């Protein structure tokens, strides 16, 4: 039940942060989303998927300590950004999260070394994402040593987190998950992931370094990142257009997440054009959250929660719950996209729209889970 609990934590943290953002510092709200909501969930999901990708035994129960350690680090970071007297919390939190990321990366490398044959190429994306997170956390620690570079290190930290840790994890998972949702495989997933990782990783590093010290590098990095996004989007439109444009299901939400990531990158690029001074540097991050992370987590949860709640053979219980969780997924996808565009262009009602849509999903999921477990007990009796 650890993964469903992490999903619930992430959804509640996202909604709370979006409602809190207009009244609190944007940095604190973003860290509530990224460090408290997303990071423990991603670590938990990686602990589930890495054995699948390496065809090894499932993770031991002790590995649950890694998301908990990450959660403690994230909570310290939010506390430090909310209460000035806890300024030390940002460095302590970075150390805890760095330890969690390092432990998960070492565990993944050991699983890779102990397997027979080659791992799924998605594993390399996960390991690159963890390496980016480690660099992002080291940037926070480095700011304590070189305070004159604090702003640059914070920009480096932000982009290594969003495009690196979250972006690399999400895009590689989306590439595998949407064909599963559609029920029709994409035979080019593996080769495309192998081919696209160098583009995405190089793009992440150039955007991060460019945003910190030399803007033109960020433009080059954005162009490199566009390559895997365009390839994945074109493949989806060719193979899964009907599922993406459907009224119900997880597929519209997953497609909306990919579109939201592209939107946030476009808005980020506009920050490096002097004529677009109307865009504040935080607004691409808000589009990243509202237009990308909200449909990503709710869409992935719609597909994966039944599996995580009842592992094993998939039966009518799983398909029924999945249908209930995905009901009106296309409408939520459109609302998340609208909220992402609004938030990214300076309209705070976009954050409220994203929060309201997420709360809708949370309530719908609660009703669906209650009905599913009542149905299960009736069948058992």
Protein backbone atom coordinates (compact mmCIF):
# COMPACT_ATOMS: atom_id res chain seq x y z
CA UNK A 1 0.00 0.00 0.00
CA UNK A 2 3.04 2.29 0.03
CA UNK A 3 2.66 3.49 -3.57
CA UNK A 4 -1.06 4.38 -3.27
CA UNK A 5 -0.19 6.35 -0.11
CA UNK A 6 2.53 8.23 -2.01
CA UNK A 7 0.05 8.99 -4.81
CA UNK A 8 -2.41 10.40 -2.27
CA UNK A 9 0.36 12.45 -0.65
CA UNK A 10 1.40 13.86 -4.03
CA UNK A 11 -2.13 14.81 -5.10
CA UNK A 12 -2.89 16.48 -1.75
CA UNK A 13 0.47 18.32 -1.80
CA UNK A 14 -0.16 19.54 -5.36
CA UNK A 15 -3.64 20.86 -4.55
CA UNK A 16 -2.50 22.49 -1.30
CA UNK A 17 0.45 24.16 -3.01
CA UNK A 18 -1.68 25.55 -5.86
CA UNK A 19 -4.18 27.01 -3.39
CA UNK A 20 -1.36 28.30 -1.17
CA UNK A 21 0.77 29.77 -3.98
CA UNK A 22 -1.01 33.17 -4.24
CA UNK A 23 -0.53 33.72 -0.49
CA UNK A 24 2.97 32.32 0.01
CA UNK A 25 6.35 32.51 -1.62
CA UNK A 26 6.43 30.81 -5.00
CA UNK A 27 9.62 28.99 -4.02
CA UNK A 28 7.92 27.40 -1.01
CA UNK A 29 4.89 26.37 -3.08
CA UNK A 30 7.06 24.89 -5.82
CA UNK A 31 9.06 22.91 -3.27
CA UNK A 32 5.85 21.60 -1.72
CA UNK A 33 4.95 20.27 -5.16
CA UNK A 34 8.36 19.05 -6.31
CA UNK A 35 10.12 18.05 -3.09
CA UNK A 36 7.24 16.88 -0.89
CA UNK A 37 4.77 15.64 -3.53
CA UNK A 38 6.72 14.54 -6.59
CA UNK A 39 10.11 13.38 -5.32
CA UNK A 40 8.91 10.68 -2.87
CA UNK A 41 6.34 9.46 -5.42
CA UNK A 42 8.96 9.20 -8.17
CA UNK A 43 11.32 7.33 -5.85
CA UNK A 44 8.52 4.92 -4.92
CA UNK A 45 7.55 4.40 -8.55
CA UNK A 46 11.18 3.79 -9.53
CA UNK A 47 11.45 1.20 -6.76
CA UNK A 48 8.48 -0.56 -8.37
CA UNK A 49 9.59 -0.26 -12.00
CA UNK A 50 13.34 -0.91 -11.75
CA UNK A 51 12.86 -4.65 -10.95
CA UNK A 52 10.51 -4.86 -13.94
CA UNK A 53 13.02 -3.14 -16.22
CA UNK A 54 15.87 -5.40 -15.05
CA UNK A 55 13.76 -8.58 -14.82
CA UNK A 56 14.84 -9.12 -11.20
CA UNK A 57 12.97 -9.80 -7.96
CA UNK A 58 10.71 -7.14 -6.47
CA UNK A 59 12.19 -4.56 -4.13
CA UNK A 60 12.54 -5.45 -0.46
CA UNK A 61 10.27 -3.71 2.05
CA UNK A 62 13.27 -1.85 3.46
CA UNK A 63 13.53 0.16 0.27
CA UNK A 64 10.47 2.10 1.42
CA UNK A 65 12.89 4.05 3.58
CA UNK A 66 14.19 5.86 0.50
CA UNK A 67 10.93 7.76 -0.28
CA UNK A 68 10.51 8.49 3.44
CA UNK A 69 14.04 9.94 3.57
CA UNK A 70 13.29 12.04 0.50
CA UNK A 71 10.03 13.23 2.07
CA UNK A 72 11.88 14.34 5.20
CA UNK A 73 14.34 16.28 3.06
CA UNK A 74 11.54 17.92 1.09
CA UNK A 75 9.68 18.89 4.26
CA UNK A 76 12.81 20.53 5.64
CA UNK A 77 13.25 22.51 2.41
CA UNK A 78 9.65 23.76 2.51
CA UNK A 79 10.05 24.70 6.16
CA UNK A 80 13.25 26.62 5.44
CA UNK A 81 11.59 28.56 2.62
CA UNK A 82 8.52 29.34 4.73
CA UNK A 83 10.24 30.27 8.01
CA UNK A 84 13.44 32.37 7.77
CA UNK A 85 14.71 31.08 11.13
CA UNK A 86 14.91 27.60 9.62
CA UNK A 87 17.31 28.66 6.86
CA UNK A 88 19.57 25.70 7.73
CA UNK A 89 16.76 23.38 6.65
CA UNK A 90 17.48 23.90 2.95
CA UNK A 91 20.98 22.43 3.38
CA UNK A 92 19.89 19.65 5.74
CA UNK A 93 17.03 18.81 3.41
CA UNK A 94 19.37 18.73 0.43
CA UNK A 95 21.66 16.31 2.26
CA UNK A 96 18.79 13.96 3.13
CA UNK A 97 17.41 14.00 -0.41
CA UNK A 98 20.93 13.51 -1.81
CA UNK A 99 21.38 10.44 0.38
CA UNK A 100 18.04 9.06 -0.85
CA UNK A 101 18.87 9.70 -4.52
CA UNK A 102 22.33 8.18 -4.13
CA UNK A 103 20.95 5.06 -2.43
CA UNK A 104 18.36 4.52 -5.15
CA UNK A 105 20.94 5.05 -7.90
CA UNK A 106 23.36 2.57 -6.30
CA UNK A 107 20.53 0.02 -5.91
CA UNK A 108 19.56 0.45 -9.57
CA UNK A 109 23.14 -0.03 -10.72
CA UNK A 110 23.40 -3.22 -8.66
CA UNK A 111 20.18 -4.55 -10.17
CA UNK A 112 21.56 -3.74 -13.63
CA UNK A 113 24.83 -5.56 -12.88
CA UNK A 114 23.07 -8.64 -11.51
CA UNK A 115 20.57 -9.19 -14.31
CA UNK A 116 20.79 -11.51 -17.30
CA UNK A 117 20.81 -9.73 -20.67
CA UNK A 118 20.24 -6.06 -21.35
CA UNK A 119 17.83 -3.93 -19.28
CA UNK A 120 14.98 -2.01 -20.83
CA UNK A 121 16.30 1.35 -22.12
CA UNK A 122 13.91 3.17 -19.77
CA UNK A 123 16.31 2.24 -16.96
CA UNK A 124 19.04 4.46 -18.40
CA UNK A 125 16.59 7.41 -18.35
CA UNK A 126 15.82 6.72 -14.68
CA UNK A 127 19.50 6.61 -13.77
CA UNK A 128 20.18 9.81 -15.70
CA UNK A 129 17.25 11.44 -13.87
CA UNK A 130 18.69 10.43 -10.49
CA UNK A 131 22.10 11.78 -11.50
CA UNK A 132 20.47 15.11 -12.45
CA UNK A 133 18.73 15.25 -9.08
CA UNK A 134 22.02 14.61 -7.30
CA UNK A 135 23.64 17.48 -9.22
CA UNK A 136 20.67 19.74 -8.41
CA UNK A 137 21.04 19.02 -4.70
CA UNK A 138 24.80 19.52 -4.84
CA UNK A 139 24.12 22.95 -6.36
CA UNK A 140 22.17 23.93 -3.21
CA UNK A 141 25.06 22.78 -1.02
CA UNK A 142 27.52 24.64 -3.26
CA UNK A 143 25.57 27.87 -2.72
CA UNK A 144 26.58 27.73 0.94
CA UNK A 145 30.24 27.65 -0.06
CA UNK A 146 30.02 30.27 -2.84
CA UNK A 147 27.21 32.63 -1.74
CA UNK A 148 28.06 35.09 -4.51
CA UNK A 149 26.79 32.46 -6.97
CA UNK A 150 23.57 31.71 -5.05
CA UNK A 151 21.15 32.91 -7.75
CA UNK A 152 23.03 31.01 -10.46
CA UNK A 153 23.09 27.84 -8.35
CA UNK A 154 19.35 28.15 -7.66
CA UNK A 155 18.63 28.41 -11.40
CA UNK A 156 20.85 25.39 -11.99
CA UNK A 157 18.98 23.55 -9.23
CA UNK A 158 15.55 24.42 -10.66
CA UNK A 159 16.26 23.22 -14.20
CA UNK A 160 18.14 20.07 -13.17
CA UNK A 161 15.10 19.23 -11.05
CA UNK A 162 12.33 20.03 -13.52
CA UNK A 163 13.80 19.03 -16.89
CA UNK A 164 16.34 16.60 -15.46
CA UNK A 165 14.87 14.63 -12.58
CA UNK A 166 11.15 15.01 -13.29
CA UNK A 167 11.36 15.47 -17.07
CA UNK A 168 13.60 12.51 -17.85
CA UNK A 169 11.63 10.23 -15.53
CA UNK A 170 8.28 11.34 -16.90
CA UNK A 171 9.03 11.23 -20.63
CA UNK A 172 10.56 7.76 -20.46
CA UNK A 173 7.63 6.48 -18.37
CA UNK A 174 5.09 8.10 -20.69
CA UNK A 175 6.70 6.43 -23.69
CA UNK A 176 6.04 3.02 -22.11
CA UNK A 177 2.78 3.80 -20.30
CA UNK A 178 0.61 5.19 -23.10
CA UNK A 179 0.90 2.03 -25.26
CA UNK A 180 -0.09 0.06 -22.15
CA UNK A 181 -3.11 2.30 -21.63
CA UNK A 182 -4.12 1.96 -25.30
CA UNK A 183 -3.62 -1.80 -25.26
CA UNK A 184 -1.52 -1.67 -28.43
CA UNK A 185 2.29 -1.83 -28.29
CA UNK A 186 4.60 0.66 -29.94
CA UNK A 187 7.41 -1.47 -31.43
CA UNK A 188 9.71 1.57 -31.64
CA UNK A 189 9.64 2.46 -27.92
CA UNK A 190 12.93 0.75 -27.07
CA UNK A 191 14.99 2.00 -30.03
CA UNK A 192 13.54 5.50 -29.68
CA UNK A 193 14.40 5.70 -25.99
CA UNK A 194 17.97 4.61 -26.68
CA UNK A 195 18.31 7.14 -29.48
CA UNK A 196 16.70 10.05 -27.63
CA UNK A 197 18.38 9.91 -24.22
CA UNK A 198 21.57 11.71 -25.34
CA UNK A 199 19.44 14.51 -26.82
CA UNK A 200 17.33 14.92 -23.70
CA UNK A 201 20.24 14.67 -21.26
CA UNK A 202 22.43 17.08 -23.21
CA UNK A 203 19.47 19.44 -23.54
CA UNK A 204 18.87 19.33 -19.78
CA UNK A 205 22.50 20.14 -18.94
CA UNK A 206 22.68 22.97 -21.47
CA UNK A 207 19.42 24.53 -20.29
CA UNK A 208 20.52 24.29 -16.66
CA UNK A 209 23.99 25.74 -17.22
CA UNK A 210 22.69 28.33 -19.69
CA UNK A 211 19.97 29.57 -17.33
CA UNK A 212 22.58 29.94 -14.60
CA UNK A 213 25.43 31.58 -16.47
CA UNK A 214 25.03 31.96 -20.24
CA UNK A 215 21.56 32.29 -21.82
CA UNK A 216 22.37 31.17 -25.40
CA UNK A 217 23.28 27.71 -24.12
CA UNK A 218 19.73 27.37 -22.80
CA UNK A 219 18.36 27.98 -26.30
CA UNK A 220 20.58 25.22 -27.69
CA UNK A 221 19.47 22.90 -24.89
CA UNK A 222 15.82 23.64 -25.59
CA UNK A 223 16.27 22.73 -29.25
CA UNK A 224 17.94 19.46 -28.26
CA UNK A 225 15.09 18.61 -25.85
CA UNK A 226 12.56 19.34 -28.59
CA UNK A 227 13.87 16.38 -30.62
CA UNK A 228 12.63 13.58 -28.30
CA UNK A 229 9.41 15.47 -27.54
CA UNK A 230 8.56 15.84 -31.22
CA UNK A 231 9.45 12.23 -32.00
CA UNK A 232 7.30 10.93 -29.15
CA UNK A 233 4.39 13.24 -29.99
CA UNK A 234 4.47 12.30 -33.68
CA UNK A 235 4.47 8.59 -32.80
CA UNK A 236 1.50 9.03 -30.48
CA UNK A 237 -0.53 10.95 -33.04
CA UNK A 238 0.12 8.24 -35.61
CA UNK A 239 -0.66 5.28 -33.35
CA UNK A 240 -3.01 6.46 -30.59
CA UNK A 241 -4.95 9.46 -31.91
CA UNK A 242 -8.35 7.97 -31.09
CA UNK A 243 -7.38 7.23 -27.48
CA UNK A 244 -5.81 10.67 -27.00
CA UNK A 245 -8.95 12.46 -28.23
CA UNK A 246 -11.34 10.27 -26.23
CA UNK A 247 -13.70 11.63 -23.59
CA UNK A 248 -12.69 9.06 -20.99
CA UNK A 249 -9.51 7.26 -19.98
CA UNK A 250 -5.94 8.01 -18.98
CA UNK A 251 -4.61 8.53 -22.52
CA UNK A 252 -5.87 12.16 -22.89
CA UNK A 253 -4.21 13.05 -19.57
CA UNK A 254 -0.88 11.51 -20.57
CA UNK A 255 -0.97 13.36 -23.90
CA UNK A 256 -1.85 16.60 -22.07
CA UNK A 257 1.20 16.06 -19.85
CA UNK A 258 3.49 15.85 -22.88
CA UNK A 259 1.91 19.02 -24.31
CA UNK A 260 2.31 20.76 -20.93
CA UNK A 261 6.00 19.93 -20.81
CA UNK A 262 6.46 21.41 -24.29
CA UNK A 263 4.51 24.54 -23.26
CA UNK A 264 6.65 25.10 -20.17
CA UNK A 265 9.81 24.80 -22.27
CA UNK A 266 8.49 27.34 -24.77
CA UNK A 267 7.69 29.79 -21.97
CA UNK A 268 11.10 29.15 -20.46
CA UNK A 269 12.76 29.98 -23.78
CA UNK A 270 10.82 33.25 -23.94
CA UNK A 271 12.46 34.35 -20.70
CA UNK A 272 15.71 34.67 -22.61
CA UNK A 273 14.22 37.12 -25.13
CA UNK A 274 14.54 40.69 -23.84
CA UNK A 275 11.31 41.79 -25.57
CA UNK A 276 9.24 39.39 -23.47
CA UNK A 277 9.90 41.01 -20.14
CA UNK A 278 6.25 40.55 -19.20
CA UNK A 279 7.03 36.93 -18.36
CA UNK A 280 8.52 36.42 -14.91
CA UNK A 281 11.06 33.66 -14.46
CA UNK A 282 8.70 31.68 -12.18
CA UNK A 283 5.90 31.42 -14.72
CA UNK A 284 7.39 28.60 -16.84
CA UNK A 285 7.62 26.65 -13.58
CA UNK A 286 3.93 27.29 -12.92
CA UNK A 287 3.06 26.06 -16.43
CA UNK A 288 5.29 23.04 -15.73
CA UNK A 289 3.28 22.24 -12.62
CA UNK A 290 -0.25 23.02 -13.84
CA UNK A 291 0.05 21.85 -17.43
CA UNK A 292 2.48 18.97 -17.04
CA UNK A 293 2.69 17.49 -13.55
CA UNK A 294 -1.03 17.54 -12.72
CA UNK A 295 -2.19 15.57 -15.79
CA UNK A 296 0.89 13.36 -15.54
CA UNK A 297 0.26 12.20 -11.98
CA UNK A 298 -3.53 11.93 -12.30
CA UNK A 299 -3.25 10.10 -15.63
CA UNK A 300 -0.60 7.68 -14.39
CA UNK A 301 -2.58 7.07 -11.20
CA UNK A 302 -5.71 6.27 -13.23
CA UNK A 303 -3.82 3.46 -14.96
CA UNK A 304 -1.53 2.20 -12.20
CA UNK A 305 -3.48 2.50 -8.95
CA UNK A 306 -5.49 -0.71 -9.56
CA UNK A 307 -2.23 -2.63 -10.12
CA UNK A 308 -0.58 -1.14 -7.04
CA UNK A 309 -3.62 -1.77 -4.85
CA UNK A 310 -4.04 -5.40 -5.93
CA UNK A 311 -0.91 -6.81 -7.59
CA UNK A 312 -1.20 -10.00 -9.56
CA UNK A 313 -3.55 -11.27 -12.22
CA UNK A 314 -5.67 -8.49 -13.72
CA UNK A 315 -9.39 -9.18 -13.33
CA UNK A 316 -12.67 -7.35 -13.80
CA UNK A 317 -12.09 -5.55 -10.48
CA UNK A 318 -8.99 -3.87 -11.95
CA UNK A 319 -10.63 -2.89 -15.25
CA UNK A 320 -13.73 -1.57 -13.45
CA UNK A 321 -11.68 0.60 -11.10
CA UNK A 322 -9.53 1.79 -13.99
CA UNK A 323 -12.62 2.81 -15.95
CA UNK A 324 -13.99 4.70 -12.92
CA UNK A 325 -10.70 6.53 -12.32
CA UNK A 326 -10.44 7.50 -15.99
CA UNK A 327 -14.02 8.73 -16.37
CA UNK A 328 -14.02 12.20 -17.99
CA UNK A 329 -10.24 12.06 -18.28
CA UNK A 330 -10.48 13.97 -21.55
CA UNK A 331 -12.34 16.85 -19.86
CA UNK A 332 -9.76 17.01 -17.06
CA UNK A 333 -6.96 16.96 -19.63
CA UNK A 334 -8.46 20.00 -21.39
CA UNK A 335 -8.89 21.84 -18.06
CA UNK A 336 -5.31 21.08 -17.02
CA UNK A 337 -4.05 22.39 -20.37
CA UNK A 338 -6.11 25.57 -19.98
CA UNK A 339 -4.84 26.03 -16.43
CA UNK A 340 -1.24 25.52 -17.55
CA UNK A 341 -1.54 28.12 -20.31
CA UNK A 342 -3.18 30.60 -17.93
CA UNK A 343 -0.69 30.07 -15.10
CA UNK A 344 2.25 30.21 -17.47
CA UNK A 345 1.12 33.54 -18.95
CA UNK A 346 0.63 35.27 -15.62
CA UNK A 347 -3.02 34.55 -14.73
CA UNK A 348 -3.30 33.15 -11.23
CA UNK A 349 -6.78 31.75 -11.90
CA UNK A 350 -4.93 29.05 -13.85
CA UNK A 351 -3.54 27.75 -10.55
CA UNK A 352 -7.04 27.67 -9.05
CA UNK A 353 -8.40 25.87 -12.11
CA UNK A 354 -5.64 23.28 -11.83
CA UNK A 355 -6.32 22.82 -8.11
CA UNK A 356 -10.09 22.49 -8.66
CA UNK A 357 -9.59 19.92 -11.43
CA UNK A 358 -7.18 17.96 -9.25
CA UNK A 359 -9.64 18.01 -6.33
CA UNK A 360 -12.32 16.73 -8.74
CA UNK A 361 -10.02 13.79 -9.56
CA UNK A 362 -9.31 13.20 -5.86
CA UNK A 363 -13.02 13.06 -4.99
CA UNK A 364 -13.77 10.86 -8.01
CA UNK A 365 -10.95 8.52 -7.01
CA UNK A 366 -12.27 8.32 -3.45
CA UNK A 367 -15.74 7.33 -4.64
CA UNK A 368 -14.31 4.84 -7.16
CA UNK A 369 -12.10 3.18 -4.54
CA UNK A 370 -14.96 2.94 -2.06
CA UNK A 371 -17.22 1.33 -4.65
CA UNK A 372 -14.47 -1.06 -5.76
CA UNK A 373 -13.75 -2.33 -2.26
CA UNK A 374 -17.46 -2.62 -1.39
CA UNK A 375 -17.91 -4.70 -4.57
CA UNK A 376 -14.92 -6.84 -3.58
CA UNK A 377 -16.30 -7.55 -0.08
CA UNK A 378 -19.69 -8.45 -1.47
CA UNK A 379 -18.14 -10.97 -3.84
CA UNK A 380 -16.07 -12.47 -1.02
CA UNK A 381 -19.15 -12.85 1.18
